[in-house]
């Protein structure tokens, strides 16, 4: 019950993982989900797809966390600027 290799979702290589963006990771996760939902992946491929998906989800979570920290820093910088502007006006 071997699937046609051409229908398999291509995996990301180690080099591609280092050049990864949030958007490409999300697109790859969607491709993995489509492949798993098709029911055509064998046991070994399913395991590999799940492992890759987990790495991608962890990458996306870290990216979102980093962006969140950056937004918090921006808000703090904005607050400091407003406080300093208020002191200068007083």
PDB file of N, CA and C in Angstrom:
ATOM      1  N   UNK A   1       0.825  -1.171   0.000  1.00  0.00           N
ATOM      2  CA  UNK A   1       0.000   0.000   0.000  1.00  0.00           C
ATOM      3  C   UNK A   1       0.881   1.250   0.000  1.00  0.00           C
ATOM      4  N   UNK A   2       1.805   1.325  -0.924  1.00  0.00           N
ATOM      5  CA  UNK A   2       2.744   2.421  -1.033  1.00  0.00           C
ATOM      6  C   UNK A   2       2.139   3.568  -1.817  1.00  0.00           C
ATOM      7  N   UNK A   3       2.311   4.783  -1.293  1.00  0.00           N
ATOM      8  CA  UNK A   3       1.771   5.971  -1.962  1.00  0.00           C
ATOM      9  C   UNK A   3       2.700   6.407  -3.076  1.00  0.00           C
ATOM     10  N   UNK A   4       2.141   7.039  -4.068  1.00  0.00           N
ATOM     11  CA  UNK A   4       2.916   7.597  -5.161  1.00  0.00           C
ATOM     12  C   UNK A   4       3.806   8.704  -4.607  1.00  0.00           C
ATOM     13  N   UNK A   5       5.157   8.589  -4.729  1.00  0.00           N
ATOM     14  CA  UNK A   5       6.048   9.589  -4.155  1.00  0.00           C
ATOM     15  C   UNK A   5       5.781  11.001  -4.679  1.00  0.00           C
ATOM     16  N   UNK A   6       5.285  11.131  -5.886  1.00  0.00           N
ATOM     17  CA  UNK A   6       5.038  12.459  -6.437  1.00  0.00           C
ATOM     18  C   UNK A   6       3.872  13.154  -5.752  1.00  0.00           C
ATOM     19  N   UNK A   7       3.010  12.390  -5.066  1.00  0.00           N
ATOM     20  CA  UNK A   7       1.869  12.998  -4.392  1.00  0.00           C
ATOM     21  C   UNK A   7       2.190  13.373  -2.949  1.00  0.00           C
ATOM     22  N   UNK A   8       3.380  12.999  -2.481  1.00  0.00           N
ATOM     23  CA  UNK A   8       3.757  13.301  -1.108  1.00  0.00           C
ATOM     24  C   UNK A   8       4.097  14.777  -0.959  1.00  0.00           C
ATOM     25  N   UNK A   9       3.793  15.334   0.204  1.00  0.00           N
ATOM     26  CA  UNK A   9       4.162  16.714   0.500  1.00  0.00           C
ATOM     27  C   UNK A   9       5.671  16.761   0.700  1.00  0.00           C
ATOM     28  N   UNK A  10       6.376  17.603  -0.068  1.00  0.00           N
ATOM     29  CA  UNK A  10       7.834  17.644   0.074  1.00  0.00           C
ATOM     30  C   UNK A  10       8.223  18.184   1.444  1.00  0.00           C
ATOM     31  N   UNK A  11       9.237  17.580   2.068  1.00  0.00           N
ATOM     32  CA  UNK A  11       9.659  18.037   3.387  1.00  0.00           C
ATOM     33  C   UNK A  11      10.698  19.142   3.238  1.00  0.00           C
ATOM     34  N   UNK A  12      10.868  19.894   4.308  1.00  0.00           N
ATOM     35  CA  UNK A  12      11.862  20.948   4.311  1.00  0.00           C
ATOM     36  C   UNK A  12      13.190  20.366   4.748  1.00  0.00           C
ATOM     37  N   UNK A  13      14.247  20.687   4.028  1.00  0.00           N
ATOM     38  CA  UNK A  13      15.577  20.212   4.386  1.00  0.00           C
ATOM     39  C   UNK A  13      16.105  21.016   5.563  1.00  0.00           C
ATOM     40  N   UNK A  14      17.216  20.589   6.128  1.00  0.00           N
ATOM     41  CA  UNK A  14      17.833  21.322   7.229  1.00  0.00           C
ATOM     42  C   UNK A  14      18.174  22.745   6.839  1.00  0.00           C
ATOM     43  N   UNK A  15      18.674  22.933   5.614  1.00  0.00           N
ATOM     44  CA  UNK A  15      19.010  24.275   5.154  1.00  0.00           C
ATOM     45  C   UNK A  15      17.749  25.121   5.023  1.00  0.00           C
ATOM     46  N   UNK A  16      16.689  24.534   4.507  1.00  0.00           N
ATOM     47  CA  UNK A  16      15.438  25.277   4.360  1.00  0.00           C
ATOM     48  C   UNK A  16      14.895  25.676   5.723  1.00  0.00           C
ATOM     49  N   UNK A  17      15.092  24.852   6.739  1.00  0.00           N
ATOM     50  CA  UNK A  17      14.623  25.186   8.083  1.00  0.00           C
ATOM     51  C   UNK A  17      15.346  26.416   8.619  1.00  0.00           C
ATOM     52  N   UNK A  18      16.632  26.606   8.252  1.00  0.00           N
ATOM     53  CA  UNK A  18      17.363  27.774   8.750  1.00  0.00           C
ATOM     54  C   UNK A  18      16.944  29.042   8.012  1.00  0.00           C
ATOM     55  N   UNK A  19      16.390  28.915   6.816  1.00  0.00           N
ATOM     56  CA  UNK A  19      15.940  30.062   6.031  1.00  0.00           C
ATOM     57  C   UNK A  19      14.430  30.243   6.132  1.00  0.00           C
ATOM     58  N   UNK A  20      13.839  29.627   7.104  1.00  0.00           N
ATOM     59  CA  UNK A  20      12.398  29.584   7.260  1.00  0.00           C
ATOM     60  C   UNK A  20      11.828  30.923   7.708  1.00  0.00           C
ATOM     61  N   UNK A  21      10.635  31.230   7.226  1.00  0.00           N
ATOM     62  CA  UNK A  21       9.889  32.382   7.724  1.00  0.00           C
ATOM     63  C   UNK A  21       8.602  31.847   8.341  1.00  0.00           C
ATOM     64  N   UNK A  22       7.953  32.685   9.115  1.00  0.00           N
ATOM     65  CA  UNK A  22       6.686  32.301   9.730  1.00  0.00           C
ATOM     66  C   UNK A  22       5.677  31.903   8.653  1.00  0.00           C
ATOM     67  N   UNK A  23       5.631  32.688   7.588  1.00  0.00           N
ATOM     68  CA  UNK A  23       4.657  32.444   6.518  1.00  0.00           C
ATOM     69  C   UNK A  23       4.915  31.118   5.807  1.00  0.00           C
ATOM     70  N   UNK A  24       6.197  30.814   5.507  1.00  0.00           N
ATOM     71  CA  UNK A  24       6.488  29.549   4.831  1.00  0.00           C
ATOM     72  C   UNK A  24       6.247  28.363   5.767  1.00  0.00           C
ATOM     73  N   UNK A  25       6.502  28.561   7.055  1.00  0.00           N
ATOM     74  CA  UNK A  25       6.236  27.493   8.026  1.00  0.00           C
ATOM     75  C   UNK A  25       4.743  27.193   8.083  1.00  0.00           C
ATOM     76  N   UNK A  26       3.921  28.245   8.098  1.00  0.00           N
ATOM     77  CA  UNK A  26       2.467  28.046   8.120  1.00  0.00           C
ATOM     78  C   UNK A  26       1.997  27.329   6.857  1.00  0.00           C
ATOM     79  N   UNK A  27       2.549  27.722   5.720  1.00  0.00           N
ATOM     80  CA  UNK A  27       2.175  27.077   4.460  1.00  0.00           C
ATOM     81  C   UNK A  27       2.567  25.600   4.480  1.00  0.00           C
ATOM     82  N   UNK A  28       3.736  25.299   5.022  1.00  0.00           N
ATOM     83  CA  UNK A  28       4.197  23.914   5.092  1.00  0.00           C
ATOM     84  C   UNK A  28       3.313  23.106   6.045  1.00  0.00           C
ATOM     85  N   UNK A  29       2.916  23.696   7.169  1.00  0.00           N
ATOM     86  CA  UNK A  29       2.025  23.015   8.104  1.00  0.00           C
ATOM     87  C   UNK A  29       0.707  22.675   7.405  1.00  0.00           C
ATOM     88  N   UNK A  30       0.191  23.616   6.619  1.00  0.00           N
ATOM     89  CA  UNK A  30      -1.043  23.364   5.874  1.00  0.00           C
ATOM     90  C   UNK A  30      -0.871  22.215   4.887  1.00  0.00           C
ATOM     91  N   UNK A  31       0.289  22.158   4.217  1.00  0.00           N
ATOM     92  CA  UNK A  31       0.559  21.058   3.272  1.00  0.00           C
ATOM     93  C   UNK A  31       0.634  19.720   4.005  1.00  0.00           C
ATOM     94  N   UNK A  32       1.250  19.728   5.177  1.00  0.00           N
ATOM     95  CA  UNK A  32       1.340  18.505   5.981  1.00  0.00           C
ATOM     96  C   UNK A  32      -0.054  18.040   6.389  1.00  0.00           C
ATOM     97  N   UNK A  33      -0.886  18.975   6.829  1.00  0.00           N
ATOM     98  CA  UNK A  33      -2.247  18.621   7.243  1.00  0.00           C
ATOM     99  C   UNK A  33      -3.024  18.043   6.066  1.00  0.00           C
ATOM    100  N   UNK A  34      -2.881  18.660   4.889  1.00  0.00           N
ATOM    101  CA  UNK A  34      -3.580  18.126   3.702  1.00  0.00           C
ATOM    102  C   UNK A  34      -3.119  16.708   3.403  1.00  0.00           C
ATOM    103  N   UNK A  35      -1.820  16.461   3.497  1.00  0.00           N
ATOM    104  CA  UNK A  35      -1.285  15.132   3.213  1.00  0.00           C
ATOM    105  C   UNK A  35      -1.812  14.115   4.230  1.00  0.00           C
ATOM    106  N   UNK A  36      -1.806  14.491   5.495  1.00  0.00           N
ATOM    107  CA  UNK A  36      -2.302  13.574   6.521  1.00  0.00           C
ATOM    108  C   UNK A  36      -3.796  13.330   6.366  1.00  0.00           C
ATOM    109  N   UNK A  37      -4.548  14.384   6.046  1.00  0.00           N
ATOM    110  CA  UNK A  37      -5.996  14.250   5.857  1.00  0.00           C
ATOM    111  C   UNK A  37      -6.351  13.395   4.647  1.00  0.00           C
ATOM    112  N   UNK A  38      -5.438  13.319   3.678  1.00  0.00           N
ATOM    113  CA  UNK A  38      -5.726  12.531   2.475  1.00  0.00           C
ATOM    114  C   UNK A  38      -5.807  11.039   2.779  1.00  0.00           C
ATOM    115  N   UNK A  39      -5.180  10.632   3.878  1.00  0.00           N
ATOM    116  CA  UNK A  39      -5.182   9.221   4.241  1.00  0.00           C
ATOM    117  C   UNK A  39      -4.253   8.370   3.385  1.00  0.00           C
ATOM    118  N   UNK A  40      -3.467   9.008   2.534  1.00  0.00           N
ATOM    119  CA  UNK A  40      -2.588   8.270   1.628  1.00  0.00           C
ATOM    120  C   UNK A  40      -1.188   8.055   2.184  1.00  0.00           C
ATOM    121  N   UNK A  41      -0.838   8.744   3.265  1.00  0.00           N
ATOM    122  CA  UNK A  41       0.501   8.606   3.832  1.00  0.00           C
ATOM    123  C   UNK A  41       0.610   7.291   4.588  1.00  0.00           C
ATOM    124  N   UNK A  42       1.711   6.612   4.371  1.00  0.00           N
ATOM    125  CA  UNK A  42       1.973   5.378   5.101  1.00  0.00           C
ATOM    126  C   UNK A  42       2.394   5.682   6.532  1.00  0.00           C
ATOM    127  N   UNK A  43       2.624   4.641   7.294  1.00  0.00           N
ATOM    128  CA  UNK A  43       2.964   4.785   8.705  1.00  0.00           C
ATOM    129  C   UNK A  43       4.233   5.601   8.900  1.00  0.00           C
ATOM    130  N   UNK A  44       5.298   5.244   8.194  1.00  0.00           N
ATOM    131  CA  UNK A  44       6.585   5.939   8.338  1.00  0.00           C
ATOM    132  C   UNK A  44       6.459   7.401   7.918  1.00  0.00           C
ATOM    133  N   UNK A  45       5.793   7.643   6.786  1.00  0.00           N
ATOM    134  CA  UNK A  45       5.609   9.015   6.308  1.00  0.00           C
ATOM    135  C   UNK A  45       4.778   9.821   7.301  1.00  0.00           C
ATOM    136  N   UNK A  46       3.756   9.198   7.864  1.00  0.00           N
ATOM    137  CA  UNK A  46       2.917   9.883   8.851  1.00  0.00           C
ATOM    138  C   UNK A  46       3.755  10.314  10.042  1.00  0.00           C
ATOM    139  N   UNK A  47       4.610   9.424  10.533  1.00  0.00           N
ATOM    140  CA  UNK A  47       5.485   9.751  11.650  1.00  0.00           C
ATOM    141  C   UNK A  47       6.400  10.916  11.291  1.00  0.00           C
ATOM    142  N   UNK A  48       7.017  10.869  10.113  1.00  0.00           N
ATOM    143  CA  UNK A  48       7.927  11.927   9.680  1.00  0.00           C
ATOM    144  C   UNK A  48       7.195  13.260   9.520  1.00  0.00           C
ATOM    145  N   UNK A  49       5.989  13.213   8.967  1.00  0.00           N
ATOM    146  CA  UNK A  49       5.206  14.440   8.804  1.00  0.00           C
ATOM    147  C   UNK A  49       4.823  15.036  10.156  1.00  0.00           C
ATOM    148  N   UNK A  50       4.446  14.165  11.094  1.00  0.00           N
ATOM    149  CA  UNK A  50       4.089  14.648  12.431  1.00  0.00           C
ATOM    150  C   UNK A  50       5.294  15.273  13.128  1.00  0.00           C
ATOM    151  N   UNK A  51       6.453  14.661  12.980  1.00  0.00           N
ATOM    152  CA  UNK A  51       7.664  15.218  13.582  1.00  0.00           C
ATOM    153  C   UNK A  51       8.006  16.577  12.962  1.00  0.00           C
ATOM    154  N   UNK A  52       7.938  16.640  11.652  1.00  0.00           N
ATOM    155  CA  UNK A  52       8.209  17.910  10.974  1.00  0.00           C
ATOM    156  C   UNK A  52       7.184  18.964  11.379  1.00  0.00           C
ATOM    157  N   UNK A  53       5.917  18.572  11.434  1.00  0.00           N
ATOM    158  CA  UNK A  53       4.862  19.492  11.839  1.00  0.00           C
ATOM    159  C   UNK A  53       5.101  20.036  13.236  1.00  0.00           C
ATOM    160  N   UNK A  54       5.524  19.185  14.120  1.00  0.00           N
ATOM    161  CA  UNK A  54       5.802  19.630  15.491  1.00  0.00           C
ATOM    162  C   UNK A  54       6.926  20.660  15.515  1.00  0.00           C
ATOM    163  N   UNK A  55       7.996  20.394  14.763  1.00  0.00           N
ATOM    164  CA  UNK A  55       9.106  21.357  14.697  1.00  0.00           C
ATOM    165  C   UNK A  55       8.614  22.700  14.148  1.00  0.00           C
ATOM    166  N   UNK A  56       7.780  22.637  13.125  1.00  0.00           N
ATOM    167  CA  UNK A  56       7.265  23.871  12.520  1.00  0.00           C
ATOM    168  C   UNK A  56       6.346  24.630  13.471  1.00  0.00           C
ATOM    169  N   UNK A  57       5.505  23.914  14.192  1.00  0.00           N
ATOM    170  CA  UNK A  57       4.615  24.562  15.164  1.00  0.00           C
ATOM    171  C   UNK A  57       5.446  25.217  16.269  1.00  0.00           C
ATOM    172  N   UNK A  58       6.490  24.538  16.731  1.00  0.00           N
ATOM    173  CA  UNK A  58       7.363  25.112  17.753  1.00  0.00           C
ATOM    174  C   UNK A  58       8.057  26.363  17.219  1.00  0.00           C
ATOM    175  N   UNK A  59       8.502  26.316  15.955  1.00  0.00           N
ATOM    176  CA  UNK A  59       9.124  27.480  15.322  1.00  0.00           C
ATOM    177  C   UNK A  59       8.134  28.643  15.272  1.00  0.00           C
ATOM    178  N   UNK A  60       6.911  28.382  14.824  1.00  0.00           N
ATOM    179  CA  UNK A  60       5.889  29.428  14.717  1.00  0.00           C
ATOM    180  C   UNK A  60       5.562  30.019  16.085  1.00  0.00           C
ATOM    181  N   UNK A  61       5.468  29.164  17.102  1.00  0.00           N
ATOM    182  CA  UNK A  61       5.183  29.645  18.461  1.00  0.00           C
ATOM    183  C   UNK A  61       6.303  30.567  18.946  1.00  0.00           C
ATOM    184  N   UNK A  62       7.541  30.190  18.670  1.00  0.00           N
ATOM    185  CA  UNK A  62       8.676  31.021  19.075  1.00  0.00           C
ATOM    186  C   UNK A  62       8.667  32.355  18.332  1.00  0.00           C
ATOM    187  N   UNK A  63       8.332  32.320  17.049  1.00  0.00           N
ATOM    188  CA  UNK A  63       8.251  33.556  16.267  1.00  0.00           C
ATOM    189  C   UNK A  63       7.170  34.478  16.819  1.00  0.00           C
ATOM    190  N   UNK A  64       6.002  33.925  17.123  1.00  0.00           N
ATOM    191  CA  UNK A  64       4.913  34.724  17.684  1.00  0.00           C
ATOM    192  C   UNK A  64       5.296  35.314  19.040  1.00  0.00           C
ATOM    193  N   UNK A  65       5.985  34.522  19.841  1.00  0.00           N
ATOM    194  CA  UNK A  65       6.431  35.003  21.147  1.00  0.00           C
ATOM    195  C   UNK A  65       7.428  36.155  20.988  1.00  0.00           C
ATOM    196  N   UNK A  66       8.357  36.023  20.043  1.00  0.00           N
ATOM    197  CA  UNK A  66       9.345  37.077  19.794  1.00  0.00           C
ATOM    198  C   UNK A  66       8.661  38.363  19.319  1.00  0.00           C
ATOM    199  N   UNK A  67       7.694  38.225  18.447  1.00  0.00           N
ATOM    200  CA  UNK A  67       6.963  39.403  17.966  1.00  0.00           C
ATOM    201  C   UNK A  67       6.191  40.031  19.123  1.00  0.00           C
ATOM    202  N   UNK A  68       5.593  39.216  19.954  1.00  0.00           N
ATOM    203  CA  UNK A  68       4.870  39.723  21.116  1.00  0.00           C
ATOM    204  C   UNK A  68       5.782  40.510  22.048  1.00  0.00           C
ATOM    205  N   UNK A  69       6.983  39.983  22.291  1.00  0.00           N
ATOM    206  CA  UNK A  69       7.954  40.704  23.136  1.00  0.00           C
ATOM    207  C   UNK A  69       8.338  42.025  22.486  1.00  0.00           C
ATOM    208  N   UNK A  70       8.514  42.004  21.161  1.00  0.00           N
ATOM    209  CA  UNK A  70       8.853  43.232  20.451  1.00  0.00           C
ATOM    210  C   UNK A  70       7.753  44.269  20.565  1.00  0.00           C
ATOM    211  N   UNK A  71       6.506  43.825  20.489  1.00  0.00           N
ATOM    212  CA  UNK A  71       5.380  44.755  20.640  1.00  0.00           C
ATOM    213  C   UNK A  71       5.319  45.325  22.049  1.00  0.00           C
ATOM    214  N   UNK A  72       5.595  44.491  23.040  1.00  0.00           N
ATOM    215  CA  UNK A  72       5.617  44.974  24.418  1.00  0.00           C
ATOM    216  C   UNK A  72       6.698  46.027  24.596  1.00  0.00           C
ATOM    217  N   UNK A  73       7.875  45.795  24.012  1.00  0.00           N
ATOM    218  CA  UNK A  73       8.962  46.766  24.099  1.00  0.00           C
ATOM    219  C   UNK A  73       8.568  48.075  23.425  1.00  0.00           C
ATOM    220  N   UNK A  74       7.890  47.978  22.287  1.00  0.00           N
ATOM    221  CA  UNK A  74       7.438  49.188  21.605  1.00  0.00           C
ATOM    222  C   UNK A  74       6.470  49.969  22.478  1.00  0.00           C
ATOM    223  N   UNK A  75       5.550  49.258  23.110  1.00  0.00           N
ATOM    224  CA  UNK A  75       4.589  49.927  23.984  1.00  0.00           C
ATOM    225  C   UNK A  75       5.282  50.585  25.164  1.00  0.00           C
ATOM    226  N   UNK A  76       6.298  49.919  25.736  1.00  0.00           N
ATOM    227  CA  UNK A  76       7.041  50.505  26.850  1.00  0.00           C
ATOM    228  C   UNK A  76       7.808  51.737  26.387  1.00  0.00           C
ATOM    229  N   UNK A  77       8.433  51.659  25.209  1.00  0.00           N
ATOM    230  CA  UNK A  77       9.156  52.804  24.661  1.00  0.00           C
ATOM    231  C   UNK A  77       8.204  53.971  24.417  1.00  0.00           C
ATOM    232  N   UNK A  78       7.018  53.653  23.933  1.00  0.00           N
ATOM    233  CA  UNK A  78       5.999  54.673  23.676  1.00  0.00           C
ATOM    234  C   UNK A  78       5.573  55.329  24.992  1.00  0.00           C
ATOM    235  N   UNK A  79       5.383  54.537  26.014  1.00  0.00           N
ATOM    236  CA  UNK A  79       4.988  55.045  27.318  1.00  0.00           C
ATOM    237  C   UNK A  79       6.076  55.943  27.893  1.00  0.00           C
ATOM    238  N   UNK A  80       7.306  55.521  27.811  1.00  0.00           N
ATOM    239  CA  UNK A  80       8.428  56.323  28.308  1.00  0.00           C
ATOM    240  C   UNK A  80       8.486  57.650  27.566  1.00  0.00           C
ATOM    241  N   UNK A  81       8.316  57.614  26.248  1.00  0.00           N
ATOM    242  CA  UNK A  81       8.347  58.840  25.455  1.00  0.00           C
ATOM    243  C   UNK A  81       7.217  59.787  25.891  1.00  0.00           C
ATOM    244  N   UNK A  82       6.038  59.252  26.140  1.00  0.00           N
ATOM    245  CA  UNK A  82       4.923  60.092  26.580  1.00  0.00           C
ATOM    246  C   UNK A  82       5.189  60.695  27.959  1.00  0.00           C
ATOM    247  N   UNK A  83       5.749  59.869  28.849  1.00  0.00           N
ATOM    248  CA  UNK A  83       6.060  60.372  30.192  1.00  0.00           C
ATOM    249  C   UNK A  83       7.123  61.461  30.141  1.00  0.00           C
ATOM    250  N   UNK A  84       8.132  61.255  29.320  1.00  0.00           N
ATOM    251  CA  UNK A  84       9.179  62.260  29.170  1.00  0.00           C
ATOM    252  C   UNK A  84       8.635  63.528  28.526  1.00  0.00           C
ATOM    253  N   UNK A  85       7.738  63.402  27.574  1.00  0.00           N
ATOM    254  CA  UNK A  85       7.121  64.562  26.935  1.00  0.00           C
ATOM    255  C   UNK A  85       6.262  65.312  27.951  1.00  0.00           C
ATOM    256  N   UNK A  86       5.600  64.601  28.825  1.00  0.00           N
ATOM    257  CA  UNK A  86       4.787  65.218  29.875  1.00  0.00           C
ATOM    258  C   UNK A  86       5.645  65.974  30.860  1.00  0.00           C
ATOM    259  N   UNK A  87       6.815  65.448  31.203  1.00  0.00           N
ATOM    260  CA  UNK A  87       7.743  66.130  32.112  1.00  0.00           C
ATOM    261  C   UNK A  87       8.297  67.383  31.465  1.00  0.00           C
ATOM    262  N   UNK A  88       8.618  67.294  30.178  1.00  0.00           N
ATOM    263  CA  UNK A  88       9.195  68.440  29.472  1.00  0.00           C
ATOM    264  C   UNK A  88       8.177  69.569  29.358  1.00  0.00           C
ATOM    265  N   UNK A  89       6.894  69.235  29.227  1.00  0.00           N
ATOM    266  CA  UNK A  89       5.835  70.238  29.097  1.00  0.00           C
ATOM    267  C   UNK A  89       5.521  70.873  30.445  1.00  0.00           C
ATOM    268  N   UNK A  90       5.851  70.197  31.549  1.00  0.00           N
ATOM    269  CA  UNK A  90       5.502  70.709  32.889  1.00  0.00           C
ATOM    270  C   UNK A  90       6.474  71.714  33.408  1.00  0.00           C
TER     271      UNK A  90
END
